[in-house]
């Protein structure tokens, strides 16, 4: 595996702006300016189109089938994420007997998320794959992501969606820098955990198996998402080298869920200062547009995260938009 850094100064302390532990005020300001320019502030107008086209019904059926497969695989439902200024606790008594159609019909996570900055440590050249957990320990998380064209309310098919996030102790793979784990551990440049891309289906859906992300200084738990341009293509070695796309954003998790996860190992060993949802400046900006939270169910039932989680989110993009992201590095697997 070869790793080529795009940023010569990434190993220096001075190059850590907008990286874990650094001041994120510039990123917050940029997002705020972009949000104020948006003409469409939510995807409420898409509800009827999703029902009429059958996308909602197929999403419910898909999520139900996925939940049953995951339960069977792990030998084994509850909680729905609410807006940031609430307790994020479900007001409905979901149990293992609750019909899946009732649980998965919730579409409160359907949002138009800001297309602004890619956040820290985007690494191009990652693998095209659905399972990005690799050997990382943590709470199992299966994500179902639906991408919509917010101008037509129709799914966006045949485009790559790439996600990346930290491991359980708040470390991003693929880079070495102060504020990102052990600065002396140069082997992290050869790691690719919690990174990967998938092409959307005819219904605009991608699914990833991963672990729940850990927090790092200044940020609550979150996942980055990047929708590539329609011309992006996988390389012969099944990696994706492309820095142009139509959307980049982040999504988040219920604070009560984060608290439950953080009590388990190895999350409990994370010594970085904890930032809650209410304290996260990026989340506050994204919440001005919609509800950027992942809906979720506990696969083992009750309030236990031990059996893993199934989460789902829908977000709107403008497929005609074009922008380039700033890659911190390029990873190439052989």
Protein backbone atom coordinates (compact mmCIF):
# COMPACT_ATOMS: atom_id res chain seq x y z
CA UNK A 1 0.00 0.00 0.00
CA UNK A 2 1.30 3.41 -0.93
CA UNK A 3 0.36 6.66 0.74
CA UNK A 4 1.12 10.03 -0.82
CA UNK A 5 0.47 13.17 1.18
CA UNK A 6 -0.95 16.17 -0.62
CA UNK A 7 -0.14 18.47 2.27
CA UNK A 8 3.55 18.71 3.01
CA UNK A 9 2.89 20.45 6.28
CA UNK A 10 0.32 18.02 7.64
CA UNK A 11 2.83 16.68 10.15
CA UNK A 12 3.43 20.10 11.61
CA UNK A 13 1.44 21.52 14.46
CA UNK A 14 0.75 24.62 12.38
CA UNK A 15 -1.10 22.54 9.80
CA UNK A 16 -3.83 21.35 12.10
CA UNK A 17 -6.35 24.15 11.57
CA UNK A 18 -9.84 22.67 11.11
CA UNK A 19 -8.44 19.35 12.34
CA UNK A 20 -9.32 17.58 15.62
CA UNK A 21 -8.66 19.76 18.63
CA UNK A 22 -8.32 22.94 16.57
CA UNK A 23 -10.47 26.06 16.20
CA UNK A 24 -13.47 25.35 13.93
CA UNK A 25 -14.85 28.89 13.91
CA UNK A 26 -13.89 29.47 10.27
CA UNK A 27 -15.78 26.34 9.20
CA UNK A 28 -18.81 27.37 11.25
CA UNK A 29 -18.82 30.83 9.65
CA UNK A 30 -18.56 29.38 6.15
CA UNK A 31 -21.49 27.05 6.77
CA UNK A 32 -23.57 29.88 8.20
CA UNK A 33 -22.97 32.01 5.11
CA UNK A 34 -23.96 29.14 2.81
CA UNK A 35 -27.13 28.36 4.79
CA UNK A 36 -28.25 31.99 4.59
CA UNK A 37 -28.01 31.80 0.78
CA UNK A 38 -30.22 28.72 0.49
CA UNK A 39 -33.63 29.25 -1.10
CA UNK A 40 -34.94 25.82 -0.07
CA UNK A 41 -34.52 25.16 3.64
CA UNK A 42 -36.06 21.67 4.02
CA UNK A 43 -37.32 18.64 2.14
CA UNK A 44 -40.87 18.75 3.51
CA UNK A 45 -42.14 19.24 -0.02
CA UNK A 46 -40.77 15.82 -0.99
CA UNK A 47 -43.01 13.77 1.30
CA UNK A 48 -45.82 13.20 -1.18
CA UNK A 49 -43.45 12.42 -4.06
CA UNK A 50 -41.68 9.80 -1.95
CA UNK A 51 -45.02 8.14 -1.21
CA UNK A 52 -46.32 8.41 -4.79
CA UNK A 53 -43.18 6.99 -6.37
CA UNK A 54 -43.00 4.05 -3.96
CA UNK A 55 -39.57 5.08 -2.64
CA UNK A 56 -40.89 5.37 0.92
CA UNK A 57 -42.57 1.94 0.82
CA UNK A 58 -39.45 0.32 -0.60
CA UNK A 59 -37.32 2.04 2.04
CA UNK A 60 -39.51 0.65 4.82
CA UNK A 61 -39.34 -2.86 3.35
CA UNK A 62 -35.56 -2.65 2.85
CA UNK A 63 -34.87 -1.42 6.37
CA UNK A 64 -37.13 -4.08 7.85
CA UNK A 65 -35.35 -6.82 5.92
CA UNK A 66 -31.94 -5.43 6.88
CA UNK A 67 -32.87 -5.34 10.56
CA UNK A 68 -33.99 -8.98 10.47
CA UNK A 69 -30.82 -10.07 8.67
CA UNK A 70 -28.62 -8.28 11.19
CA UNK A 71 -30.51 -9.77 14.13
CA UNK A 72 -30.21 -13.27 12.70
CA UNK A 73 -26.51 -12.79 11.99
CA UNK A 74 -25.77 -11.56 15.52
CA UNK A 75 -28.12 -13.93 17.31
CA UNK A 76 -30.24 -11.56 18.67
CA UNK A 77 -36.10 -1.86 18.52
CA UNK A 78 -36.16 1.42 20.04
CA UNK A 79 -35.56 5.19 19.88
CA UNK A 80 -35.82 7.78 17.23
CA UNK A 81 -33.53 10.79 16.95
CA UNK A 82 -35.25 14.11 17.56
CA UNK A 83 -34.07 17.69 16.90
CA UNK A 84 -31.02 19.05 18.69
CA UNK A 85 -32.81 21.06 21.37
CA UNK A 86 -34.78 18.11 22.77
CA UNK A 87 -33.75 15.18 24.92
CA UNK A 88 -33.44 13.05 21.75
CA UNK A 89 -35.40 10.32 23.46
CA UNK A 90 -38.20 8.55 21.61
CA UNK A 91 -41.69 9.42 22.80
CA UNK A 92 -43.06 6.12 21.47
CA UNK A 93 -42.79 2.80 23.36
CA UNK A 94 -41.05 0.83 20.62
CA UNK A 95 -40.44 -2.81 21.45
CA UNK A 96 -39.42 -5.91 19.54
CA UNK A 97 -43.13 -6.43 18.81
CA UNK A 98 -43.65 -3.00 17.25
CA UNK A 99 -44.42 -3.38 13.50
CA UNK A 100 -41.42 -2.47 11.36
CA UNK A 101 -43.66 -0.33 9.17
CA UNK A 102 -44.34 1.89 12.19
CA UNK A 103 -40.68 2.20 13.16
CA UNK A 104 -39.14 2.72 9.74
CA UNK A 105 -41.82 5.04 8.37
CA UNK A 106 -40.31 7.89 10.38
CA UNK A 107 -38.54 10.20 7.95
CA UNK A 108 -37.59 13.06 10.25
CA UNK A 109 -34.00 12.75 9.10
CA UNK A 110 -34.93 13.85 5.58
CA UNK A 111 -32.99 17.07 5.28
CA UNK A 112 -31.28 19.46 2.96
CA UNK A 113 -27.83 19.55 4.51
CA UNK A 114 -25.35 22.37 3.86
CA UNK A 115 -22.93 21.79 1.02
CA UNK A 116 -19.97 23.52 2.56
CA UNK A 117 -16.75 22.06 3.94
CA UNK A 118 -15.49 18.50 3.97
CA UNK A 119 -14.21 18.65 7.53
CA UNK A 120 -10.86 17.25 8.59
CA UNK A 121 -8.85 14.51 6.95
CA UNK A 122 -10.66 13.66 3.75
CA UNK A 123 -8.48 11.05 2.03
CA UNK A 124 -9.06 10.30 -1.64
CA UNK A 125 -8.30 6.93 -3.20
CA UNK A 126 -10.20 4.82 -0.63
CA UNK A 127 -11.80 1.44 -1.32
CA UNK A 128 -15.20 0.93 -2.94
CA UNK A 129 -16.87 -1.31 -0.35
CA UNK A 130 -19.85 -1.60 1.96
CA UNK A 131 -18.08 -2.90 5.09
CA UNK A 132 -15.65 -0.26 6.35
CA UNK A 133 -15.26 -1.47 9.93
CA UNK A 134 -12.08 -3.51 9.28
CA UNK A 135 -10.61 -4.67 12.61
CA UNK A 136 -11.89 -1.77 14.69
CA UNK A 137 -13.56 -2.53 18.02
CA UNK A 138 -16.78 -0.73 18.87
CA UNK A 139 -20.56 -0.76 18.68
CA UNK A 140 -21.66 -2.20 15.33
CA UNK A 141 -23.53 0.28 13.14
CA UNK A 142 -25.30 -0.42 9.85
CA UNK A 143 -26.21 2.73 7.91
CA UNK A 144 -28.93 3.05 5.26
CA UNK A 145 -28.48 6.32 3.33
CA UNK A 146 -30.99 7.68 0.80
CA UNK A 147 -29.87 10.49 -1.53
CA UNK A 148 -32.53 12.71 -3.12
CA UNK A 149 -32.50 15.46 -5.72
CA UNK A 150 -34.09 18.27 -3.70
CA UNK A 151 -35.30 20.04 -6.86
CA UNK A 152 -37.33 17.04 -8.10
CA UNK A 153 -37.69 14.98 -4.89
CA UNK A 154 -36.55 11.93 -6.86
CA UNK A 155 -33.75 9.53 -5.85
CA UNK A 156 -30.27 10.12 -7.24
CA UNK A 157 -29.07 6.82 -8.75
CA UNK A 158 -25.67 5.64 -9.94
CA UNK A 159 -23.44 8.07 -8.03
CA UNK A 160 -20.75 7.27 -5.49
CA UNK A 161 -21.40 8.23 -1.88
CA UNK A 162 -18.29 8.21 0.27
CA UNK A 163 -18.31 8.35 4.06
CA UNK A 164 -15.56 8.64 6.67
CA UNK A 165 -15.43 9.02 10.43
CA UNK A 166 -13.29 8.34 13.48
CA UNK A 167 -12.82 5.07 15.31
CA UNK A 168 -14.08 4.48 18.86
CA UNK A 169 -11.39 6.66 20.44
CA UNK A 170 -11.75 9.61 18.07
CA UNK A 171 -8.96 8.85 15.58
CA UNK A 172 -9.19 9.16 11.78
CA UNK A 173 -7.33 6.60 9.69
CA UNK A 174 -4.96 7.57 6.88
CA UNK A 175 -3.22 10.59 8.38
CA UNK A 176 -0.71 11.49 11.05
CA UNK A 177 -1.09 14.87 12.74
CA UNK A 178 -1.20 16.39 16.18
CA UNK A 179 -4.69 16.07 17.63
CA UNK A 180 -5.35 12.81 15.76
CA UNK A 181 -4.29 9.97 18.02
CA UNK A 182 -0.65 9.06 18.57
CA UNK A 183 1.41 11.56 16.59
CA UNK A 184 4.41 9.24 16.75
CA UNK A 185 2.53 6.32 15.15
CA UNK A 186 3.39 6.71 11.47
CA UNK A 187 1.66 3.42 10.62
CA UNK A 188 -1.70 5.19 10.71
CA UNK A 189 -0.96 6.48 7.21
CA UNK A 190 -1.42 2.88 6.00
CA UNK A 191 -4.78 2.44 7.72
CA UNK A 192 -8.14 2.75 5.93
CA UNK A 193 -10.69 1.91 8.61
CA UNK A 194 -13.98 3.82 8.69
CA UNK A 195 -13.57 4.98 5.09
CA UNK A 196 -15.23 3.78 1.92
CA UNK A 197 -17.55 4.47 -0.99
CA UNK A 198 -20.59 2.82 -2.54
CA UNK A 199 -22.61 3.62 -5.67
CA UNK A 200 -26.29 4.43 -5.13
CA UNK A 201 -28.97 2.02 -6.32
CA UNK A 202 -31.92 2.89 -8.57
CA UNK A 203 -33.64 4.13 -5.41
CA UNK A 204 -30.66 6.36 -4.50
CA UNK A 205 -29.57 4.12 -1.63
CA UNK A 206 -26.20 3.05 -0.25
CA UNK A 207 -25.58 0.88 2.80
CA UNK A 208 -22.49 0.70 4.99
CA UNK A 209 -21.47 -1.56 7.86
CA UNK A 210 -19.17 0.18 10.30
CA UNK A 211 -18.81 1.06 13.99
CA UNK A 212 -20.26 3.98 15.90
CA UNK A 213 -17.83 6.94 15.70
CA UNK A 214 -16.06 8.25 18.78
CA UNK A 215 -15.74 11.92 19.71
CA UNK A 216 -12.65 14.07 19.49
CA UNK A 217 -11.78 17.41 21.06
CA UNK A 218 -14.17 20.12 19.90
CA UNK A 219 -16.60 17.82 18.05
CA UNK A 220 -19.47 15.51 18.92
CA UNK A 221 -19.79 12.10 17.23
CA UNK A 222 -20.53 12.49 13.51
CA UNK A 223 -20.10 10.99 10.05
CA UNK A 224 -18.89 12.83 6.94
CA UNK A 225 -20.59 12.20 3.59
CA UNK A 226 -19.42 13.17 0.10
CA UNK A 227 -21.50 12.63 -3.04
CA UNK A 228 -19.14 12.37 -5.99
CA UNK A 229 -19.73 13.64 -9.51
CA UNK A 230 -21.69 11.35 -11.85
CA UNK A 231 -18.53 10.76 -13.90
CA UNK A 232 -16.53 9.30 -11.01
CA UNK A 233 -15.41 5.73 -11.67
CA UNK A 234 -13.65 3.07 -9.62
CA UNK A 235 -10.03 2.29 -10.43
CA UNK A 236 -8.79 -1.15 -11.45
CA UNK A 237 -7.75 -1.81 -7.83
CA UNK A 238 -11.30 -1.00 -6.62
CA UNK A 239 -10.45 2.40 -5.18
CA UNK A 240 -12.04 5.76 -5.91
CA UNK A 241 -9.74 8.66 -6.79
CA UNK A 242 -11.95 11.69 -7.33
CA UNK A 243 -12.20 15.04 -5.58
CA UNK A 244 -15.10 16.58 -7.51
CA UNK A 245 -18.71 16.19 -6.51
CA UNK A 246 -22.08 17.78 -5.88
CA UNK A 247 -22.36 17.57 -2.10
CA UNK A 248 -20.39 17.32 1.11
CA UNK A 249 -21.89 17.31 4.59
CA UNK A 250 -22.16 15.64 7.98
CA UNK A 251 -24.79 13.81 9.99
CA UNK A 252 -25.18 13.21 13.68
CA UNK A 253 -26.61 11.02 16.44
CA UNK A 254 -29.03 11.30 19.35
CA UNK A 255 -27.22 12.56 22.46
CA UNK A 256 -28.74 9.84 24.63
CA UNK A 257 -27.42 7.26 22.17
CA UNK A 258 -23.95 8.80 22.25
CA UNK A 259 -24.01 8.69 26.06
CA UNK A 260 -24.97 5.01 26.04
CA UNK A 261 -22.21 4.15 23.57
CA UNK A 262 -19.58 6.19 25.44
CA UNK A 263 -20.12 4.06 28.54
CA UNK A 264 -18.92 0.94 26.72
CA UNK A 265 -15.37 -0.16 25.91
CA UNK A 266 -13.26 1.00 24.07
CA UNK A 267 -15.17 4.33 23.91
CA UNK A 268 -14.82 4.73 27.67
CA UNK A 269 -11.05 4.81 27.20
CA UNK A 270 -11.18 7.91 24.99
CA UNK A 271 -9.34 10.62 26.95
CA UNK A 272 -10.13 13.50 24.60
CA UNK A 273 -12.44 16.16 26.01
CA UNK A 274 -16.09 15.42 25.30
CA UNK A 275 -18.18 17.86 23.28
CA UNK A 276 -21.95 17.31 23.44
CA UNK A 277 -24.43 17.92 20.63
CA UNK A 278 -25.55 21.14 22.32
CA UNK A 279 -21.95 22.39 22.33
CA UNK A 280 -21.03 21.44 18.76
CA UNK A 281 -20.87 24.53 16.54
CA UNK A 282 -21.09 22.63 13.23
CA UNK A 283 -24.19 20.75 14.38
CA UNK A 284 -25.83 24.00 15.42
CA UNK A 285 -25.35 25.41 11.90
CA UNK A 286 -26.64 22.29 10.14
CA UNK A 287 -29.66 22.20 12.45
CA UNK A 288 -30.74 25.59 11.10
CA UNK A 289 -31.57 23.86 7.82
CA UNK A 290 -33.20 20.65 9.01
CA UNK A 291 -32.82 17.67 11.30
CA UNK A 292 -29.35 16.22 10.58
CA UNK A 293 -29.81 13.24 12.92
CA UNK A 294 -29.72 9.56 12.06
CA UNK A 295 -32.90 7.64 12.90
CA UNK A 296 -32.02 4.38 14.60
CA UNK A 297 -33.18 1.19 16.28
CA UNK A 298 -31.44 -1.07 18.77
CA UNK A 299 -31.07 -4.47 17.13
CA UNK A 300 -31.09 -6.27 20.48
CA UNK A 301 -34.14 -4.40 21.76
CA UNK A 302 -34.52 -2.36 24.91
CA UNK A 303 -31.84 0.26 25.61
CA UNK A 304 -28.80 -1.95 24.99
CA UNK A 305 -26.23 -1.07 22.32
CA UNK A 306 -24.57 -4.47 22.72
CA UNK A 307 -26.38 -5.99 19.74
CA UNK A 308 -25.55 -3.11 17.45
CA UNK A 309 -27.61 -0.46 15.69
CA UNK A 310 -29.41 0.06 12.41
CA UNK A 311 -29.50 3.73 11.41
CA UNK A 312 -31.00 5.51 8.42
CA UNK A 313 -30.98 9.01 7.03
CA UNK A 314 -32.16 10.78 3.87
CA UNK A 315 -30.66 13.99 2.54
CA UNK A 316 -31.16 16.23 -0.45
CA UNK A 317 -28.54 17.44 -2.91
CA UNK A 318 -28.35 19.42 -6.12
CA UNK A 319 -26.89 16.92 -8.64
CA UNK A 320 -26.04 19.78 -11.00
CA UNK A 321 -23.81 21.47 -8.44
CA UNK A 322 -20.07 21.07 -8.85
CA UNK A 323 -17.28 21.61 -6.38
CA UNK A 324 -13.89 20.20 -5.46
CA UNK A 325 -12.91 19.01 -2.03
CA UNK A 326 -9.53 19.47 -0.40
CA UNK A 327 -7.95 16.08 0.10
CA UNK A 328 -5.55 15.81 3.01
CA UNK A 329 -3.93 12.85 1.33
CA UNK A 330 -4.24 10.15 -1.31
CA UNK A 331 -4.40 6.49 -0.43
CA UNK A 332 -3.85 3.74 -2.99
CA UNK A 333 -4.31 0.04 -2.26
CA UNK A 334 -2.77 -2.69 -4.41
